[in-house]
Amino acid sequence: CRYNEVNKKAILDSRLIPTAVLDAAIELCTAKPKIF
């Protein structure tokens, strides 16, 4: 896509936010996944 400010933010957010959510969900696990 074109690297305008809207797309650059969307590219970053679409990587950072899911990673943070997965990390937080893993932290709540009793039997944590072996690999992330």
PDB file of all heavy atoms in Angstrom:
ATOM      1  N   CYS A   1       0.853  -1.189   0.000  1.00  0.00           N
ATOM      2  CA  CYS A   1       0.000   0.000   0.000  1.00  0.00           C
ATOM      3  C   CYS A   1       0.891   1.240   0.000  1.00  0.00           C
ATOM      4  O   CYS A   1       2.094   1.148   0.197  1.00  0.00           O
ATOM      5  CB  CYS A   1      -0.925   0.012   1.224  1.00  0.00           C
ATOM      6  SG  CYS A   1      -0.044   0.054   2.791  1.00  0.00           S
ATOM      7  N   ARG A   2       0.287   2.377  -0.204  1.00  0.00           N
ATOM      8  CA  ARG A   2       1.015   3.647  -0.103  1.00  0.00           C
ATOM      9  C   ARG A   2       1.372   3.890   1.353  1.00  0.00           C
ATOM     10  O   ARG A   2       0.578   3.647   2.245  1.00  0.00           O
ATOM     11  CB  ARG A   2       0.160   4.806  -0.613  1.00  0.00           C
ATOM     12  CG  ARG A   2      -0.148   4.733  -2.079  1.00  0.00           C
ATOM     13  CD  ARG A   2       1.026   5.231  -2.856  1.00  0.00           C
ATOM     14  NE  ARG A   2       0.713   5.160  -4.275  1.00  0.00           N
ATOM     15  CZ  ARG A   2       1.625   5.198  -5.209  1.00  0.00           C
ATOM     16  NH1 ARG A   2       2.888   5.316  -4.890  1.00  0.00           N
ATOM     17  NH2 ARG A   2       1.293   5.132  -6.469  1.00  0.00           N
ATOM     18  N   TYR A   3       2.565   4.373   1.591  1.00  0.00           N
ATOM     19  CA  TYR A   3       3.006   4.619   2.960  1.00  0.00           C
ATOM     20  C   TYR A   3       2.652   6.026   3.413  1.00  0.00           C
ATOM     21  O   TYR A   3       3.513   6.825   3.741  1.00  0.00           O
ATOM     22  CB  TYR A   3       4.505   4.358   3.101  1.00  0.00           C
ATOM     23  CG  TYR A   3       4.854   2.893   3.038  1.00  0.00           C
ATOM     24  CD1 TYR A   3       6.076   2.477   2.569  1.00  0.00           C
ATOM     25  CD2 TYR A   3       3.954   1.918   3.446  1.00  0.00           C
ATOM     26  CE1 TYR A   3       6.394   1.128   2.504  1.00  0.00           C
ATOM     27  CE2 TYR A   3       4.260   0.585   3.390  1.00  0.00           C
ATOM     28  CZ  TYR A   3       5.486   0.189   2.921  1.00  0.00           C
ATOM     29  OH  TYR A   3       5.793  -1.137   2.870  1.00  0.00           O
ATOM     30  N   ASN A   4       1.355   6.298   3.460  1.00  0.00           N
ATOM     31  CA  ASN A   4       0.909   7.560   4.040  1.00  0.00           C
ATOM     32  C   ASN A   4       0.743   7.348   5.545  1.00  0.00           C
ATOM     33  O   ASN A   4       0.900   6.236   6.054  1.00  0.00           O
ATOM     34  CB  ASN A   4      -0.379   8.047   3.366  1.00  0.00           C
ATOM     35  CG  ASN A   4      -1.503   7.031   3.467  1.00  0.00           C
ATOM     36  OD1 ASN A   4      -1.705   6.405   4.500  1.00  0.00           O
ATOM     37  ND2 ASN A   4      -2.240   6.865   2.381  1.00  0.00           N
ATOM     38  N   GLU A   5       0.444   8.397   6.265  1.00  0.00           N
ATOM     39  CA  GLU A   5       0.383   8.301   7.728  1.00  0.00           C
ATOM     40  C   GLU A   5      -0.695   7.332   8.205  1.00  0.00           C
ATOM     41  O   GLU A   5      -0.488   6.593   9.175  1.00  0.00           O
ATOM     42  CB  GLU A   5       0.189   9.693   8.345  1.00  0.00           C
ATOM     43  CG  GLU A   5       1.385  10.609   8.161  1.00  0.00           C
ATOM     44  CD  GLU A   5       2.707   9.983   8.608  1.00  0.00           C
ATOM     45  OE1 GLU A   5       2.774   9.445   9.736  1.00  0.00           O
ATOM     46  OE2 GLU A   5       3.682  10.028   7.824  1.00  0.00           O
ATOM     47  N   VAL A   6      -1.841   7.321   7.540  1.00  0.00           N
ATOM     48  CA  VAL A   6      -2.923   6.417   7.938  1.00  0.00           C
ATOM     49  C   VAL A   6      -2.501   4.963   7.761  1.00  0.00           C
ATOM     50  O   VAL A   6      -2.670   4.132   8.663  1.00  0.00           O
ATOM     51  CB  VAL A   6      -4.207   6.720   7.125  1.00  0.00           C
ATOM     52  CG1 VAL A   6      -5.268   5.650   7.361  1.00  0.00           C
ATOM     53  CG2 VAL A   6      -4.751   8.098   7.478  1.00  0.00           C
ATOM     54  N   ASN A   7      -1.915   4.637   6.608  1.00  0.00           N
ATOM     55  CA  ASN A   7      -1.492   3.261   6.355  1.00  0.00           C
ATOM     56  C   ASN A   7      -0.333   2.846   7.252  1.00  0.00           C
ATOM     57  O   ASN A   7      -0.292   1.700   7.721  1.00  0.00           O
ATOM     58  CB  ASN A   7      -1.128   3.059   4.889  1.00  0.00           C
ATOM     59  CG  ASN A   7      -2.348   2.959   4.006  1.00  0.00           C
ATOM     60  OD1 ASN A   7      -3.436   2.633   4.461  1.00  0.00           O
ATOM     61  ND2 ASN A   7      -2.175   3.261   2.737  1.00  0.00           N
ATOM     62  N   LYS A   8       0.616   3.733   7.501  1.00  0.00           N
ATOM     63  CA  LYS A   8       1.731   3.391   8.383  1.00  0.00           C
ATOM     64  C   LYS A   8       1.228   3.071   9.786  1.00  0.00           C
ATOM     65  O   LYS A   8       1.682   2.116  10.418  1.00  0.00           O
ATOM     66  CB  LYS A   8       2.767   4.517   8.419  1.00  0.00           C
ATOM     67  CG  LYS A   8       3.579   4.616   7.132  1.00  0.00           C
ATOM     68  CD  LYS A   8       4.773   5.537   7.265  1.00  0.00           C
ATOM     69  CE  LYS A   8       4.387   6.984   7.294  1.00  0.00           C
ATOM     70  NZ  LYS A   8       5.552   7.894   7.247  1.00  0.00           N
ATOM     71  N   LYS A   9       0.281   3.852  10.277  1.00  0.00           N
ATOM     72  CA  LYS A   9      -0.293   3.584  11.600  1.00  0.00           C
ATOM     73  C   LYS A   9      -1.030   2.250  11.596  1.00  0.00           C
ATOM     74  O   LYS A   9      -0.892   1.448  12.539  1.00  0.00           O
ATOM     75  CB  LYS A   9      -1.231   4.712  12.017  1.00  0.00           C
ATOM     76  CG  LYS A   9      -1.844   4.490  13.398  1.00  0.00           C
ATOM     77  CD  LYS A   9      -2.634   5.683  13.861  1.00  0.00           C
ATOM     78  CE  LYS A   9      -3.333   5.524  15.182  1.00  0.00           C
ATOM     79  NZ  LYS A   9      -2.996   4.465  16.060  1.00  0.00           N
ATOM     80  N   ALA A  10      -1.792   1.980  10.542  1.00  0.00           N
ATOM     81  CA  ALA A  10      -2.538   0.724  10.454  1.00  0.00           C
ATOM     82  C   ALA A  10      -1.589  -0.475  10.388  1.00  0.00           C
ATOM     83  O   ALA A  10      -1.854  -1.514  11.009  1.00  0.00           O
ATOM     84  CB  ALA A  10      -3.467   0.745   9.246  1.00  0.00           C
ATOM     85  N   ILE A  11      -0.490  -0.340   9.655  1.00  0.00           N
ATOM     86  CA  ILE A  11       0.500  -1.415   9.566  1.00  0.00           C
ATOM     87  C   ILE A  11       1.079  -1.714  10.950  1.00  0.00           C
ATOM     88  O   ILE A  11       1.154  -2.871  11.368  1.00  0.00           O
ATOM     89  CB  ILE A  11       1.612  -1.064   8.551  1.00  0.00           C
ATOM     90  CG1 ILE A  11       1.048  -1.126   7.124  1.00  0.00           C
ATOM     91  CG2 ILE A  11       2.814  -1.985   8.705  1.00  0.00           C
ATOM     92  CD1 ILE A  11       1.961  -0.519   6.071  1.00  0.00           C
ATOM     93  N   LEU A  12       1.467  -0.682  11.661  1.00  0.00           N
ATOM     94  CA  LEU A  12       2.027  -0.878  13.011  1.00  0.00           C
ATOM     95  C   LEU A  12       0.982  -1.421  13.976  1.00  0.00           C
ATOM     96  O   LEU A  12       1.227  -2.412  14.677  1.00  0.00           O
ATOM     97  CB  LEU A  12       2.586   0.437  13.542  1.00  0.00           C
ATOM     98  CG  LEU A  12       3.965   0.820  13.051  1.00  0.00           C
ATOM     99  CD1 LEU A  12       4.333   2.214  13.541  1.00  0.00           C
ATOM    100  CD2 LEU A  12       4.998  -0.195  13.494  1.00  0.00           C
ATOM    101  N   ASP A  13      -0.177  -0.786  14.031  1.00  0.00           N
ATOM    102  CA  ASP A  13      -1.215  -1.212  14.969  1.00  0.00           C
ATOM    103  C   ASP A  13      -1.652  -2.654  14.718  1.00  0.00           C
ATOM    104  O   ASP A  13      -1.926  -3.403  15.666  1.00  0.00           O
ATOM    105  CB  ASP A  13      -2.437  -0.299  14.892  1.00  0.00           C
ATOM    106  CG  ASP A  13      -2.204   1.067  15.513  1.00  0.00           C
ATOM    107  OD1 ASP A  13      -1.146   1.272  16.155  1.00  0.00           O
ATOM    108  OD2 ASP A  13      -3.082   1.940  15.337  1.00  0.00           O
ATOM    109  N   SER A  14      -1.720  -3.056  13.454  1.00  0.00           N
ATOM    110  CA  SER A  14      -2.184  -4.400  13.123  1.00  0.00           C
ATOM    111  C   SER A  14      -1.180  -5.477  13.516  1.00  0.00           C
ATOM    112  O   SER A  14      -1.505  -6.666  13.491  1.00  0.00           O
ATOM    113  CB  SER A  14      -2.498  -4.502  11.625  1.00  0.00           C
ATOM    114  OG  SER A  14      -1.307  -4.419  10.858  1.00  0.00           O
ATOM    115  N   ARG A  15       0.023  -5.071  13.871  1.00  0.00           N
ATOM    116  CA  ARG A  15       1.023  -6.001  14.368  1.00  0.00           C
ATOM    117  C   ARG A  15       1.159  -5.903  15.896  1.00  0.00           C
ATOM    118  O   ARG A  15       1.218  -6.904  16.594  1.00  0.00           O
ATOM    119  CB  ARG A  15       2.374  -5.729  13.707  1.00  0.00           C
ATOM    120  CG  ARG A  15       2.398  -6.202  12.252  1.00  0.00           C
ATOM    121  CD  ARG A  15       3.442  -5.449  11.424  1.00  0.00           C
ATOM    122  NE  ARG A  15       3.565  -5.995  10.077  1.00  0.00           N
ATOM    123  CZ  ARG A  15       2.673  -5.857   9.111  1.00  0.00           C
ATOM    124  NH1 ARG A  15       1.563  -5.176   9.327  1.00  0.00           N
ATOM    125  NH2 ARG A  15       2.867  -6.380   7.920  1.00  0.00           N
ATOM    126  N   LEU A  16       1.209  -4.679  16.392  1.00  0.00           N
ATOM    127  CA  LEU A  16       1.449  -4.476  17.818  1.00  0.00           C
ATOM    128  C   LEU A  16       0.267  -4.870  18.693  1.00  0.00           C
ATOM    129  O   LEU A  16       0.443  -5.508  19.734  1.00  0.00           O
ATOM    130  CB  LEU A  16       1.819  -3.016  18.074  1.00  0.00           C
ATOM    131  CG  LEU A  16       3.109  -2.530  17.404  1.00  0.00           C
ATOM    132  CD1 LEU A  16       3.291  -1.039  17.633  1.00  0.00           C
ATOM    133  CD2 LEU A  16       4.305  -3.311  17.915  1.00  0.00           C
ATOM    134  N   ILE A  17      -0.940  -4.492  18.298  1.00  0.00           N
ATOM    135  CA  ILE A  17      -2.109  -4.751  19.141  1.00  0.00           C
ATOM    136  C   ILE A  17      -2.399  -6.250  19.276  1.00  0.00           C
ATOM    137  O   ILE A  17      -2.529  -6.751  20.406  1.00  0.00           O
ATOM    138  CB  ILE A  17      -3.340  -3.950  18.662  1.00  0.00           C
ATOM    139  CG1 ILE A  17      -3.064  -2.450  18.849  1.00  0.00           C
ATOM    140  CG2 ILE A  17      -4.602  -4.378  19.406  1.00  0.00           C
ATOM    141  CD1 ILE A  17      -4.069  -1.534  18.181  1.00  0.00           C
ATOM    142  N   PRO A  18      -2.461  -7.017  18.180  1.00  0.00           N
ATOM    143  CA  PRO A  18      -2.686  -8.466  18.356  1.00  0.00           C
ATOM    144  C   PRO A  18      -1.581  -9.152  19.164  1.00  0.00           C
ATOM    145  O   PRO A  18      -1.853 -10.057  19.945  1.00  0.00           O
ATOM    146  CB  PRO A  18      -2.731  -9.005  16.924  1.00  0.00           C
ATOM    147  CG  PRO A  18      -3.127  -7.838  16.096  1.00  0.00           C
ATOM    148  CD  PRO A  18      -2.485  -6.650  16.756  1.00  0.00           C
ATOM    149  N   THR A  19      -0.351  -8.704  18.997  1.00  0.00           N
ATOM    150  CA  THR A  19       0.745  -9.281  19.770  1.00  0.00           C
ATOM    151  C   THR A  19       0.539  -9.041  21.259  1.00  0.00           C
ATOM    152  O   THR A  19       0.710  -9.947  22.078  1.00  0.00           O
ATOM    153  CB  THR A  19       2.101  -8.702  19.312  1.00  0.00           C
ATOM    154  OG1 THR A  19       2.282  -8.993  17.924  1.00  0.00           O
ATOM    155  CG2 THR A  19       3.254  -9.279  20.108  1.00  0.00           C
ATOM    156  N   ALA A  20       0.156  -7.830  21.619  1.00  0.00           N
ATOM    157  CA  ALA A  20      -0.083  -7.500  23.025  1.00  0.00           C
ATOM    158  C   ALA A  20      -1.259  -8.303  23.584  1.00  0.00           C
ATOM    159  O   ALA A  20      -1.207  -8.777  24.729  1.00  0.00           O
ATOM    160  CB  ALA A  20      -0.332  -6.003  23.180  1.00  0.00           C
ATOM    161  N   VAL A  21      -2.314  -8.469  22.796  1.00  0.00           N
ATOM    162  CA  VAL A  21      -3.482  -9.227  23.256  1.00  0.00           C
ATOM    163  C   VAL A  21      -3.117 -10.698  23.456  1.00  0.00           C
ATOM    164  O   VAL A  21      -3.483 -11.308  24.467  1.00  0.00           O
ATOM    165  CB  VAL A  21      -4.661  -9.079  22.261  1.00  0.00           C
ATOM    166  CG1 VAL A  21      -5.790 -10.046  22.578  1.00  0.00           C
ATOM    167  CG2 VAL A  21      -5.173  -7.652  22.262  1.00  0.00           C
ATOM    168  N   LEU A  22      -2.386 -11.266  22.513  1.00  0.00           N
ATOM    169  CA  LEU A  22      -1.961 -12.661  22.656  1.00  0.00           C
ATOM    170  C   LEU A  22      -1.059 -12.836  23.878  1.00  0.00           C
ATOM    171  O   LEU A  22      -1.209 -13.787  24.644  1.00  0.00           O
ATOM    172  CB  LEU A  22      -1.240 -13.140  21.395  1.00  0.00           C
ATOM    173  CG  LEU A  22      -2.127 -13.380  20.184  1.00  0.00           C
ATOM    174  CD1 LEU A  22      -1.277 -13.565  18.934  1.00  0.00           C
ATOM    175  CD2 LEU A  22      -3.025 -14.592  20.397  1.00  0.00           C
ATOM    176  N   ASP A  23      -0.126 -11.912  24.061  1.00  0.00           N
ATOM    177  CA  ASP A  23       0.779 -11.975  25.207  1.00  0.00           C
ATOM    178  C   ASP A  23      -0.008 -11.927  26.516  1.00  0.00           C
ATOM    179  O   ASP A  23       0.245 -12.718  27.438  1.00  0.00           O
ATOM    180  CB  ASP A  23       1.792 -10.836  25.135  1.00  0.00           C
ATOM    181  CG  ASP A  23       2.800 -10.904  26.258  1.00  0.00           C
ATOM    182  OD1 ASP A  23       3.498 -11.930  26.374  1.00  0.00           O
ATOM    183  OD2 ASP A  23       2.886  -9.932  27.032  1.00  0.00           O
ATOM    184  N   ALA A  24      -0.976 -11.032  26.608  1.00  0.00           N
ATOM    185  CA  ALA A  24      -1.789 -10.913  27.823  1.00  0.00           C
ATOM    186  C   ALA A  24      -2.610 -12.185  28.056  1.00  0.00           C
ATOM    187  O   ALA A  24      -2.746 -12.641  29.199  1.00  0.00           O
ATOM    188  CB  ALA A  24      -2.706  -9.692  27.729  1.00  0.00           C
ATOM    189  N   ALA A  25      -3.138 -12.764  26.989  1.00  0.00           N
ATOM    190  CA  ALA A  25      -3.928 -13.994  27.113  1.00  0.00           C
ATOM    191  C   ALA A  25      -3.041 -15.159  27.559  1.00  0.00           C
ATOM    192  O   ALA A  25      -3.454 -15.977  28.388  1.00  0.00           O
ATOM    193  CB  ALA A  25      -4.620 -14.316  25.793  1.00  0.00           C
ATOM    194  N   ILE A  26      -1.830 -15.222  27.034  1.00  0.00           N
ATOM    195  CA  ILE A  26      -0.889 -16.277  27.441  1.00  0.00           C
ATOM    196  C   ILE A  26      -0.565 -16.159  28.922  1.00  0.00           C
ATOM    197  O   ILE A  26      -0.491 -17.151  29.638  1.00  0.00           O
ATOM    198  CB  ILE A  26       0.398 -16.209  26.583  1.00  0.00           C
ATOM    199  CG1 ILE A  26       0.101 -16.657  25.152  1.00  0.00           C
ATOM    200  CG2 ILE A  26       1.508 -17.061  27.203  1.00  0.00           C
ATOM    201  CD1 ILE A  26       1.226 -16.364  24.164  1.00  0.00           C
ATOM    202  N   GLU A  27      -0.386 -14.934  29.387  1.00  0.00           N
ATOM    203  CA  GLU A  27      -0.060 -14.718  30.802  1.00  0.00           C
ATOM    204  C   GLU A  27      -1.143 -15.245  31.730  1.00  0.00           C
ATOM    205  O   GLU A  27      -0.868 -15.610  32.866  1.00  0.00           O
ATOM    206  CB  GLU A  27       0.190 -13.233  31.077  1.00  0.00           C
ATOM    207  CG  GLU A  27       1.538 -12.760  30.590  1.00  0.00           C
ATOM    208  CD  GLU A  27       2.698 -13.550  31.188  1.00  0.00           C
ATOM    209  OE1 GLU A  27       2.726 -13.745  32.433  1.00  0.00           O
ATOM    210  OE2 GLU A  27       3.567 -13.999  30.426  1.00  0.00           O
ATOM    211  N   LEU A  28      -2.384 -15.307  31.262  1.00  0.00           N
ATOM    212  CA  LEU A  28      -3.493 -15.797  32.075  1.00  0.00           C
ATOM    213  C   LEU A  28      -3.631 -17.316  32.054  1.00  0.00           C
ATOM    214  O   LEU A  28      -4.406 -17.879  32.831  1.00  0.00           O
ATOM    215  CB  LEU A  28      -4.805 -15.156  31.612  1.00  0.00           C
ATOM    216  CG  LEU A  28      -4.896 -13.641  31.781  1.00  0.00           C
ATOM    217  CD1 LEU A  28      -6.191 -13.117  31.163  1.00  0.00           C
ATOM    218  CD2 LEU A  28      -4.783 -13.248  33.244  1.00  0.00           C
ATOM    219  N   CYS A  29      -2.903 -17.978  31.178  1.00  0.00           N
ATOM    220  CA  CYS A  29      -2.983 -19.439  31.071  1.00  0.00           C
ATOM    221  C   CYS A  29      -2.343 -20.125  32.275  1.00  0.00           C
ATOM    222  O   CYS A  29      -1.295 -19.691  32.765  1.00  0.00           O
ATOM    223  CB  CYS A  29      -2.276 -19.925  29.808  1.00  0.00           C
ATOM    224  SG  CYS A  29      -3.112 -19.513  28.275  1.00  0.00           S
ATOM    225  N   THR A  30      -2.949 -21.213  32.697  1.00  0.00           N
ATOM    226  CA  THR A  30      -2.357 -22.061  33.725  1.00  0.00           C
ATOM    227  C   THR A  30      -1.260 -22.922  33.097  1.00  0.00           C
ATOM    228  O   THR A  30      -0.161 -23.017  33.621  1.00  0.00           O
ATOM    229  CB  THR A  30      -3.438 -22.961  34.363  1.00  0.00           C
ATOM    230  OG1 THR A  30      -4.458 -22.118  34.898  1.00  0.00           O
ATOM    231  CG2 THR A  30      -2.856 -23.819  35.450  1.00  0.00           C
ATOM    232  N   ALA A  31      -1.580 -23.539  31.962  1.00  0.00           N
ATOM    233  CA  ALA A  31      -0.607 -24.334  31.196  1.00  0.00           C
ATOM    234  C   ALA A  31      -0.249 -23.505  29.958  1.00  0.00           C
ATOM    235  O   ALA A  31      -0.870 -23.618  28.902  1.00  0.00           O
ATOM    236  CB  ALA A  31      -1.206 -25.672  30.800  1.00  0.00           C
ATOM    237  N   LYS A  32       0.745 -22.651  30.122  1.00  0.00           N
ATOM    238  CA  LYS A  32       1.128 -21.712  29.058  1.00  0.00           C
ATOM    239  C   LYS A  32       1.655 -22.446  27.826  1.00  0.00           C
ATOM    240  O   LYS A  32       2.307 -23.491  27.961  1.00  0.00           O
ATOM    241  CB  LYS A  32       2.181 -20.744  29.565  1.00  0.00           C
ATOM    242  CG  LYS A  32       1.659 -19.781  30.623  1.00  0.00           C
ATOM    243  CD  LYS A  32       2.735 -18.836  31.078  1.00  0.00           C
ATOM    244  CE  LYS A  32       2.295 -17.840  32.119  1.00  0.00           C
ATOM    245  NZ  LYS A  32       1.123 -18.052  32.877  1.00  0.00           N
ATOM    246  N   PRO A  33       1.380 -21.926  26.641  1.00  0.00           N
ATOM    247  CA  PRO A  33       1.975 -22.508  25.431  1.00  0.00           C
ATOM    248  C   PRO A  33       3.498 -22.530  25.546  1.00  0.00           C
ATOM    249  O   PRO A  33       4.098 -21.640  26.145  1.00  0.00           O
ATOM    250  CB  PRO A  33       1.519 -21.547  24.329  1.00  0.00           C
ATOM    251  CG  PRO A  33       0.289 -20.906  24.873  1.00  0.00           C
ATOM    252  CD  PRO A  33       0.511 -20.792  26.346  1.00  0.00           C
ATOM    253  N   LYS A  34       4.105 -23.554  24.977  1.00  0.00           N
ATOM    254  CA  LYS A  34       5.558 -23.715  25.068  1.00  0.00           C
ATOM    255  C   LYS A  34       6.299 -22.679  24.222  1.00  0.00           C
ATOM    256  O   LYS A  34       7.399 -22.270  24.566  1.00  0.00           O
ATOM    257  CB  LYS A  34       5.954 -25.120  24.638  1.00  0.00           C
ATOM    258  CG  LYS A  34       5.430 -26.192  25.563  1.00  0.00           C
ATOM    259  CD  LYS A  34       5.780 -27.571  25.054  1.00  0.00           C
ATOM    260  CE  LYS A  34       5.179 -28.624  25.964  1.00  0.00           C
ATOM    261  NZ  LYS A  34       5.373 -29.973  25.439  1.00  0.00           N
ATOM    262  N   ILE A  35       5.701 -22.285  23.101  1.00  0.00           N
ATOM    263  CA  ILE A  35       6.359 -21.380  22.156  1.00  0.00           C
ATOM    264  C   ILE A  35       5.381 -20.296  21.728  1.00  0.00           C
ATOM    265  O   ILE A  35       4.214 -20.583  21.453  1.00  0.00           O
ATOM    266  CB  ILE A  35       6.836 -22.149  20.898  1.00  0.00           C
ATOM    267  CG1 ILE A  35       7.874 -23.203  21.284  1.00  0.00           C
ATOM    268  CG2 ILE A  35       7.385 -21.198  19.840  1.00  0.00           C
ATOM    269  CD1 ILE A  35       8.186 -24.182  20.184  1.00  0.00           C
ATOM    270  N   PHE A  36       5.874 -19.072  21.659  1.00  0.00           N
ATOM    271  CA  PHE A  36       5.105 -17.956  21.084  1.00  0.00           C
ATOM    272  C   PHE A  36       6.000 -17.338  20.025  1.00  0.00           C
ATOM    273  O   PHE A  36       6.986 -16.680  20.332  1.00  0.00           O
ATOM    274  CB  PHE A  36       4.727 -16.948  22.162  1.00  0.00           C
ATOM    275  CG  PHE A  36       3.934 -15.751  21.669  1.00  0.00           C
ATOM    276  CD1 PHE A  36       3.203 -15.792  20.503  1.00  0.00           C
ATOM    277  CD2 PHE A  36       3.909 -14.590  22.406  1.00  0.00           C
ATOM    278  CE1 PHE A  36       2.463 -14.690  20.059  1.00  0.00           C
ATOM    279  CE2 PHE A  36       3.186 -13.484  21.987  1.00  0.00           C
ATOM    280  CZ  PHE A  36       2.457 -13.535  20.812  1.00  0.00           C
TER     281      PHE A  36
END
